[in-house]
Amino acid sequence: MHSNSLLDDIQDLNLSYLLLVQRLLNEDRESAMFRLDLNADLADTIGQLSIKQLTQLSRTNQLLCHLRISDADKLNLLVHNPRAQGLEQTHAALLMAGAGRAQSSLQQRS
């Protein structure tokens, strides 16, 4: 029963994430593409999916979103930096933006 509950939670999160992605794309496409590290083709595809297609896509046992901070040291800096009082959102945005771009560059070189 625990695994069914976990699977339901993953699927619910996936659907919520996909709906949020579509909403962000509809409200400010360029900003959403930057925040989500999406290229134009993927943004177009996700933006055009119907609710039925989003639901079908969400019904997997894998998370469709991922944590963009892949380095524990960077995460610790965000959480434990005493100089960053009130600037946590700005620092997080900068780190995540840089992480996505760096990963894209590495993938393009391969």
Protein backbone atom coordinates (compact mmCIF):
# COMPACT_ATOMS: atom_id res chain seq x y z
CA MET A 1 0.00 0.00 0.00
CA HIS A 2 2.89 2.38 0.73
CA SER A 3 4.27 2.02 -2.82
CA ASN A 4 0.84 2.76 -4.33
CA SER A 5 0.61 5.91 -2.24
CA LEU A 6 4.10 6.93 -3.32
CA LEU A 7 3.26 6.29 -6.98
CA ASP A 8 0.08 8.37 -6.63
CA ASP A 9 2.12 11.19 -5.10
CA ILE A 10 4.64 11.08 -7.96
CA GLN A 11 1.88 11.16 -10.55
CA ASP A 12 0.11 14.04 -8.79
CA LEU A 13 3.37 15.97 -8.61
CA ASN A 14 4.03 15.32 -12.30
CA LEU A 15 0.61 16.64 -13.29
CA SER A 16 0.97 19.70 -11.04
CA TYR A 17 4.40 20.36 -12.52
CA LEU A 18 3.20 20.06 -16.11
CA LEU A 19 0.24 22.35 -15.44
CA LEU A 20 2.58 24.88 -13.83
CA VAL A 21 4.95 24.69 -16.81
CA GLN A 22 2.08 25.38 -19.20
CA ARG A 23 0.87 28.28 -17.06
CA LEU A 24 4.34 29.81 -16.88
CA LEU A 25 4.75 29.45 -20.64
CA ASN A 26 1.37 31.09 -21.28
CA GLU A 27 2.10 34.02 -18.94
CA ASP A 28 5.69 34.80 -19.94
CA ARG A 29 7.21 32.38 -22.42
CA GLU A 30 10.78 33.75 -22.42
CA SER A 31 11.00 33.91 -18.65
CA ALA A 32 9.53 30.42 -18.33
CA MET A 33 11.97 29.00 -20.84
CA PHE A 34 14.85 30.53 -18.88
CA ARG A 35 13.55 29.43 -15.46
CA LEU A 36 12.79 25.89 -16.63
CA ASP A 37 15.80 25.58 -18.95
CA LEU A 38 13.59 24.69 -21.92
CA ASN A 39 14.44 25.17 -25.56
CA ALA A 40 11.85 26.66 -27.94
CA ASP A 41 10.80 23.30 -29.42
CA LEU A 42 10.14 21.73 -26.03
CA ALA A 43 8.31 24.85 -24.85
CA ASP A 44 6.10 24.73 -27.95
CA THR A 45 5.36 21.05 -27.48
CA ILE A 46 4.48 21.32 -23.79
CA GLY A 47 2.47 24.48 -24.41
CA GLN A 48 0.30 22.72 -26.99
CA LEU A 49 -0.52 19.60 -24.95
CA SER A 50 -4.15 19.06 -24.01
CA ILE A 51 -5.24 18.26 -20.45
CA LYS A 52 -5.73 14.64 -21.52
CA GLN A 53 -2.18 14.49 -22.90
CA LEU A 54 -0.75 16.14 -19.78
CA THR A 55 -2.57 13.58 -17.63
CA GLN A 56 -1.27 10.71 -19.74
CA LEU A 57 2.27 12.06 -19.58
CA SER A 58 2.05 12.48 -15.80
CA ARG A 59 1.06 8.85 -15.23
CA THR A 60 4.55 7.45 -14.91
CA ASN A 61 6.54 6.15 -11.98
CA GLN A 62 9.35 8.64 -12.64
CA LEU A 63 9.48 12.30 -11.68
CA LEU A 64 9.33 14.59 -14.71
CA CYS A 65 11.00 17.48 -12.91
CA HIS A 66 14.45 17.43 -11.36
CA LEU A 67 16.48 19.45 -8.89
CA ARG A 68 18.66 21.83 -10.89
CA ILE A 69 21.25 22.18 -8.14
CA SER A 70 23.39 19.10 -8.56
CA ASP A 71 26.23 20.12 -6.25
CA ALA A 72 25.78 19.64 -2.49
CA ASP A 73 28.24 22.47 -1.77
CA LYS A 74 26.09 24.95 -3.70
CA LEU A 75 22.98 23.76 -1.92
CA ASN A 76 24.71 24.18 1.45
CA LEU A 77 25.75 27.71 0.48
CA LEU A 78 22.14 28.56 -0.25
CA VAL A 79 20.89 27.12 3.01
CA HIS A 80 23.66 28.13 5.40
CA ASN A 81 25.06 31.41 4.08
CA PRO A 82 24.82 34.01 6.90
CA ARG A 83 25.62 36.88 4.51
CA ALA A 84 22.63 36.05 2.30
CA GLN A 85 19.84 37.09 4.65
CA GLY A 86 16.99 38.21 2.44
CA LEU A 87 18.83 37.28 -0.75
CA GLU A 88 18.11 33.54 -0.78
CA GLN A 89 15.78 33.73 -3.79
CA THR A 90 18.25 35.76 -5.81
CA HIS A 91 21.14 33.41 -5.02
CA ALA A 92 19.03 30.35 -5.79
CA ALA A 93 17.95 31.83 -9.12
CA LEU A 94 21.55 32.61 -10.08
CA LEU A 95 22.83 29.18 -9.11
CA MET A 96 20.03 27.35 -10.92
CA ALA A 97 20.37 29.48 -14.02
CA GLY A 98 24.09 28.81 -14.13
CA ALA A 99 23.63 25.10 -13.46
CA GLY A 100 21.22 24.66 -16.34
CA ARG A 101 23.39 26.56 -18.80
CA ALA A 102 26.56 24.73 -17.73
CA GLN A 103 24.88 21.36 -18.14
CA SER A 104 23.56 22.33 -21.58
CA SER A 105 27.05 23.36 -22.67
CA LEU A 106 28.49 20.05 -21.54
CA GLN A 107 25.79 18.11 -23.39
CA GLN A 108 26.41 20.10 -26.59
CA ARG A 109 30.15 19.32 -26.44
CA SER A 110 29.51 15.57 -26.16
